[in-house]
Amino acid sequence: MKLNMAEEEDYMSDSFINVQEDIRPGLPMLRQIREARRKEEKQQEANLKNRQKSLKEEEKERRDTGLKNALGCENKGFALLQKMGYKSGQALGKSGDGIIEPIPLNVKTGKSGIGHETLLKRKAEEKLESYRRKIHMKNQDEEKAAVQFRMRLKNKQDEIKLEGDLKRSQRACQQLDTQKNIQIPREAWYWLKPEEETEEEEEEKEEDEDEYSSEDLSVLEKLQILTSYLREEHLYCIWCGTAYEDEDDLSSNCPGPTSADHD
């Protein structure tokens, strides 16, 4: 027993350690990749050969083969049609206005009951219609919001224009009144307010105001009142920028008492 063990080579001896092998870079890896590919190809070939078709696949193949082949004389139904004068490719019916091709076969493969597919189709259509209504309502809301924004912007622009026309009218009124030696305006707001006024002056002006306050009037109402005053008192139109000689000259040469008349 000891002799046999001594005769065996030690796995730590030089005969195991100093083995000369081909250690070129990448060579072992290439061999392993090639071997793995060969094994994979062989396995795929074996799987294709040994693969058993399922029952559904076999039924489908038989059905497709049967539908591709035309009925022959061995079919009893076709034989009866031929005895009654039917020829292959001819339309059915006494007058020959019937169908030529057989009614297509619609195979039901699922486990759901009859009518379930119709129900699913109807639900899908309802869902699609609901989605379309939501999109339509969303588009309407966005369009409505855009219209409202444009209206607010237009109103703001109109308001700025009215305020500018009112200031022009106040400035013209003050100049024309001063030329006629009118020291106090008919209404306090007929003239532009000085930039700096003392509190006492403001209180005096508030006491001298009429029963109604100018704050109760809108910018448009002020503009209408002031332009009427300028036309009647001074024969002046702020949009024409002209002081006319008399009422006939004003009525014949001025387009009208509003800004729209001068557009």
Protein backbone atom coordinates (compact mmCIF):
# COMPACT_ATOMS: atom_id res chain seq x y z
CA MET A 1 0.00 0.00 0.00
CA LYS A 2 2.79 2.41 0.94
CA LEU A 3 4.70 1.39 -2.17
CA ASN A 4 1.78 2.21 -4.44
CA MET A 5 1.37 5.65 -2.85
CA ALA A 6 5.08 6.34 -3.31
CA GLU A 7 4.93 5.37 -6.96
CA GLU A 8 2.14 7.90 -7.59
CA GLU A 9 3.31 11.40 -8.46
CA ASP A 10 2.76 14.14 -6.00
CA TYR A 11 0.40 16.89 -7.29
CA MET A 12 2.82 19.45 -5.84
CA SER A 13 5.82 18.01 -7.69
CA ASP A 14 7.59 19.66 -10.63
CA SER A 15 5.85 17.34 -13.06
CA PHE A 16 2.58 19.11 -12.34
CA ILE A 17 3.90 22.64 -11.90
CA ASN A 18 6.29 22.85 -14.84
CA VAL A 19 3.88 21.67 -17.51
CA GLN A 20 4.47 23.45 -20.80
CA GLU A 21 1.18 24.71 -22.22
CA ASP A 22 0.19 26.94 -25.07
CA ILE A 23 -0.52 30.22 -23.30
CA ARG A 24 -0.87 32.56 -26.26
CA PRO A 25 -3.08 35.57 -25.32
CA GLY A 26 -6.79 35.04 -26.09
CA LEU A 27 -6.42 31.53 -27.48
CA PRO A 28 -8.25 29.70 -24.65
CA MET A 29 -11.10 32.20 -24.78
CA LEU A 30 -11.57 31.76 -28.53
CA ARG A 31 -11.67 28.00 -28.16
CA GLN A 32 -14.29 28.24 -25.43
CA ILE A 33 -16.47 30.58 -27.53
CA ARG A 34 -16.31 28.30 -30.57
CA GLU A 35 -17.13 25.25 -28.49
CA ALA A 36 -20.07 27.01 -26.86
CA ARG A 37 -21.45 28.05 -30.26
CA ARG A 38 -21.19 24.51 -31.63
CA LYS A 39 -23.00 23.14 -28.59
CA GLU A 40 -25.75 25.77 -28.90
CA GLU A 41 -26.30 25.04 -32.60
CA LYS A 42 -26.48 21.30 -31.97
CA GLN A 43 -28.95 21.87 -29.17
CA GLN A 44 -31.19 24.04 -31.37
CA GLU A 45 -31.17 21.41 -34.15
CA ALA A 46 -32.09 18.73 -31.65
CA ASN A 47 -34.91 20.85 -30.25
CA LEU A 48 -36.38 21.43 -33.71
CA LYS A 49 -36.29 17.71 -34.51
CA ASN A 50 -37.69 16.56 -31.21
CA ARG A 51 -40.25 19.35 -30.84
CA GLN A 52 -43.79 18.10 -30.63
CA LYS A 53 -46.54 20.31 -31.98
CA SER A 54 -49.36 21.21 -29.65
CA LEU A 55 -52.93 20.12 -30.28
CA LYS A 56 -53.97 23.63 -31.30
CA GLU A 57 -51.14 23.89 -33.79
CA GLU A 58 -52.03 20.56 -35.34
CA GLU A 59 -55.69 21.56 -35.60
CA LYS A 60 -54.77 24.86 -37.21
CA GLU A 61 -52.54 23.13 -39.78
CA ARG A 62 -55.25 20.64 -40.69
CA ARG A 63 -57.85 23.40 -40.91
CA ASP A 64 -55.65 25.61 -43.12
CA THR A 65 -54.88 22.65 -45.39
CA GLY A 66 -58.56 21.82 -45.72
CA LEU A 67 -59.56 25.42 -46.48
CA LYS A 68 -56.88 25.77 -49.15
CA ASN A 69 -58.07 22.70 -51.07
CA ALA A 70 -61.25 22.92 -53.13
CA LEU A 71 -64.07 20.44 -52.56
CA GLY A 72 -63.93 17.40 -54.81
CA CYS A 73 -66.49 14.95 -56.11
CA GLU A 74 -65.95 12.77 -53.05
CA ASN A 75 -67.75 15.41 -50.97
CA LYS A 76 -71.45 14.47 -50.82
CA GLY A 77 -72.70 18.04 -50.67
CA PHE A 78 -70.63 19.08 -53.65
CA ALA A 79 -71.75 16.00 -55.56
CA LEU A 80 -75.41 16.89 -54.98
CA LEU A 81 -74.78 20.43 -56.23
CA GLN A 82 -73.19 19.06 -59.40
CA LYS A 83 -76.21 16.82 -60.03
CA MET A 84 -78.40 19.93 -59.85
CA GLY A 85 -76.29 21.64 -62.50
CA TYR A 86 -73.76 23.50 -60.39
CA LYS A 87 -70.30 24.04 -61.84
CA SER A 88 -67.15 24.98 -59.96
CA GLY A 89 -66.68 28.79 -59.82
CA GLN A 90 -70.36 29.45 -60.57
CA ALA A 91 -72.52 31.67 -58.32
CA LEU A 92 -75.24 30.01 -56.26
CA GLY A 93 -78.94 30.46 -56.89
CA LYS A 94 -81.33 29.76 -59.71
CA SER A 95 -80.57 33.05 -61.42
CA GLY A 96 -76.86 32.89 -60.58
CA ASP A 97 -76.82 36.02 -58.41
CA GLY A 98 -75.71 34.31 -55.19
CA ILE A 99 -72.31 34.12 -53.55
CA ILE A 100 -69.34 32.60 -55.31
CA GLU A 101 -66.91 32.14 -52.44
CA PRO A 102 -67.89 30.18 -49.33
CA ILE A 103 -68.75 32.02 -46.14
CA PRO A 104 -65.43 32.69 -44.36
CA LEU A 105 -64.70 30.60 -41.31
CA ASN A 106 -64.23 32.58 -38.11
CA VAL A 107 -62.61 30.30 -35.56
CA LYS A 108 -63.15 31.23 -31.92
CA THR A 109 -60.04 30.40 -29.95
CA GLY A 110 -60.77 32.04 -26.60
CA LYS A 111 -62.70 30.63 -23.65
CA SER A 112 -65.17 33.53 -23.36
CA GLY A 113 -68.85 33.06 -24.13
CA ILE A 114 -70.69 34.03 -27.29
CA GLY A 115 -71.15 37.80 -27.52
CA HIS A 116 -68.26 38.59 -25.20
CA GLU A 117 -66.14 40.01 -28.02
CA THR A 118 -69.04 42.25 -29.08
CA LEU A 119 -69.31 43.50 -25.50
CA LEU A 120 -65.60 44.25 -25.38
CA LYS A 121 -65.83 46.06 -28.70
CA ARG A 122 -68.75 48.17 -27.46
CA LYS A 123 -66.90 49.05 -24.24
CA ALA A 124 -63.82 50.04 -26.23
CA GLU A 125 -65.95 52.27 -28.48
CA GLU A 126 -67.61 53.88 -25.43
CA LYS A 127 -64.21 54.47 -23.86
CA LEU A 128 -62.94 56.03 -27.09
CA GLU A 129 -66.03 58.22 -27.34
CA SER A 130 -65.61 59.34 -23.73
CA TYR A 131 -61.98 60.21 -24.42
CA ARG A 132 -62.99 62.20 -27.50
CA ARG A 133 -65.60 64.12 -25.49
CA LYS A 134 -63.00 64.97 -22.84
CA ILE A 135 -60.57 66.19 -25.50
CA HIS A 136 -63.35 68.22 -27.14
CA MET A 137 -64.34 69.80 -23.81
CA LYS A 138 -60.70 70.53 -23.02
CA ASN A 139 -60.24 72.22 -26.40
CA GLN A 140 -63.41 74.24 -25.85
CA ASP A 141 -62.21 75.37 -22.40
CA GLU A 142 -58.81 76.36 -23.81
CA GLU A 143 -60.46 78.25 -26.66
CA LYS A 144 -62.84 79.98 -24.24
CA ALA A 145 -59.94 80.94 -21.97
CA ALA A 146 -58.04 82.33 -24.98
CA VAL A 147 -61.07 84.39 -26.05
CA GLN A 148 -61.52 85.75 -22.53
CA PHE A 149 -57.82 86.64 -22.37
CA ARG A 150 -58.04 88.49 -25.68
CA MET A 151 -61.14 90.33 -24.47
CA ARG A 152 -59.42 91.34 -21.22
CA LEU A 153 -56.37 92.47 -23.17
CA LYS A 154 -58.54 94.46 -25.59
CA ASN A 155 -60.49 96.03 -22.71
CA LYS A 156 -57.22 96.96 -21.04
CA GLN A 157 -55.92 98.51 -24.24
CA ASP A 158 -59.20 100.37 -24.75
CA GLU A 159 -59.05 101.61 -21.17
CA ILE A 160 -55.48 102.86 -21.64
CA LYS A 161 -56.53 104.63 -24.86
CA LEU A 162 -59.51 106.28 -23.13
CA GLU A 163 -57.30 107.48 -20.29
CA GLY A 164 -54.87 108.95 -22.82
CA ASP A 165 -57.71 110.75 -24.67
CA LEU A 166 -59.06 112.07 -21.38
CA LYS A 167 -55.67 113.51 -20.39
CA ARG A 168 -55.35 115.16 -23.80
CA SER A 169 -58.82 116.63 -23.39
CA GLN A 170 -57.99 117.92 -19.90
CA ARG A 171 -54.76 119.49 -21.12
CA ALA A 172 -56.52 121.13 -24.10
CA CYS A 173 -59.36 122.33 -21.87
CA GLN A 174 -56.95 123.94 -19.44
CA GLN A 175 -55.08 125.72 -22.23
CA LEU A 176 -58.24 126.96 -23.98
CA ASP A 177 -59.86 128.08 -20.72
CA THR A 178 -56.70 129.95 -19.78
CA GLN A 179 -56.73 131.72 -23.18
CA LYS A 180 -60.26 132.92 -22.37
CA ASN A 181 -59.13 134.09 -18.90
CA ILE A 182 -61.10 131.32 -17.17
CA GLN A 183 -59.26 130.85 -13.90
CA ILE A 184 -61.42 128.09 -12.39
CA PRO A 185 -62.58 125.05 -14.40
CA ARG A 186 -66.27 124.28 -14.65
CA GLU A 187 -65.54 120.98 -12.92
CA ALA A 188 -62.42 120.21 -10.94
CA TRP A 189 -61.56 117.22 -13.11
CA TYR A 190 -61.82 119.26 -16.35
CA TRP A 191 -58.19 120.23 -15.84
CA LEU A 192 -55.20 118.07 -15.09
CA LYS A 193 -54.23 117.99 -11.43
CA PRO A 194 -50.87 119.53 -10.56
CA GLU A 195 -48.25 116.95 -9.71
CA GLU A 196 -47.77 118.33 -6.20
CA GLU A 197 -50.63 119.71 -4.13
CA THR A 198 -50.85 120.40 -0.44
CA GLU A 199 -53.43 118.65 1.68
CA GLU A 200 -55.18 121.96 2.38
CA GLU A 201 -55.62 122.64 -1.37
CA GLU A 202 -57.04 119.18 -1.90
CA GLU A 203 -59.53 119.67 0.95
CA GLU A 204 -60.62 123.03 -0.51
CA LYS A 205 -61.21 121.46 -3.91
CA GLU A 206 -63.25 118.66 -2.35
CA GLU A 207 -65.47 121.24 -0.62
CA ASP A 208 -65.99 123.16 -3.89
CA GLU A 209 -67.09 120.05 -5.83
CA ASP A 210 -70.73 119.61 -6.90
CA GLU A 211 -73.16 117.22 -5.28
CA TYR A 212 -71.85 114.29 -7.36
CA SER A 213 -68.21 113.21 -7.21
CA SER A 214 -66.03 112.75 -10.28
CA GLU A 215 -65.16 109.32 -8.96
CA ASP A 216 -68.74 108.27 -9.69
CA LEU A 217 -68.08 108.82 -13.40
CA SER A 218 -66.23 106.35 -15.56
CA VAL A 219 -63.36 107.38 -17.82
CA LEU A 220 -65.64 107.08 -20.87
CA GLU A 221 -68.33 109.28 -19.28
CA LYS A 222 -65.75 111.92 -18.34
CA LEU A 223 -64.34 111.88 -21.87
CA GLN A 224 -67.80 112.30 -23.41
CA ILE A 225 -68.68 115.20 -21.10
CA LEU A 226 -65.35 116.96 -21.59
CA THR A 227 -65.26 116.59 -25.39
CA SER A 228 -68.81 117.96 -25.57
CA TYR A 229 -67.72 120.94 -23.47
CA LEU A 230 -64.73 121.55 -25.75
CA ARG A 231 -66.88 121.40 -28.88
CA GLU A 232 -69.60 123.66 -27.50
CA GLU A 233 -67.44 126.16 -25.61
CA HIS A 234 -64.28 126.29 -27.71
CA LEU A 235 -65.31 124.66 -31.03
CA TYR A 236 -62.37 122.30 -30.54
CA CYS A 237 -62.01 118.60 -31.40
CA ILE A 238 -59.18 116.70 -29.72
CA TRP A 239 -59.06 114.03 -32.43
CA CYS A 240 -58.85 116.58 -35.24
CA GLY A 241 -56.54 118.74 -33.12
CA THR A 242 -58.23 121.82 -34.57
CA ALA A 243 -60.19 124.78 -33.19
CA TYR A 244 -62.85 125.62 -35.79
CA GLU A 245 -64.16 129.10 -36.60
CA ASP A 246 -67.84 128.46 -35.98
CA GLU A 247 -70.39 125.70 -35.51
CA ASP A 248 -70.97 125.29 -39.25
CA ASP A 249 -67.24 124.85 -39.82
CA LEU A 250 -67.13 122.28 -37.01
CA SER A 251 -70.12 120.27 -38.22
CA SER A 252 -69.02 120.25 -41.84
CA ASN A 253 -65.31 119.49 -41.41
CA CYS A 254 -65.18 117.36 -38.25
CA PRO A 255 -66.15 113.67 -38.79
CA GLY A 256 -67.90 113.39 -35.42
CA PRO A 257 -67.71 113.74 -31.64
CA THR A 258 -66.13 110.32 -30.95
CA SER A 259 -62.83 108.60 -31.61
CA ALA A 260 -64.55 105.93 -33.73
CA ASP A 261 -65.77 108.65 -36.11
CA HIS A 262 -62.16 109.59 -36.83
CA ASP A 263 -60.90 106.04 -37.61
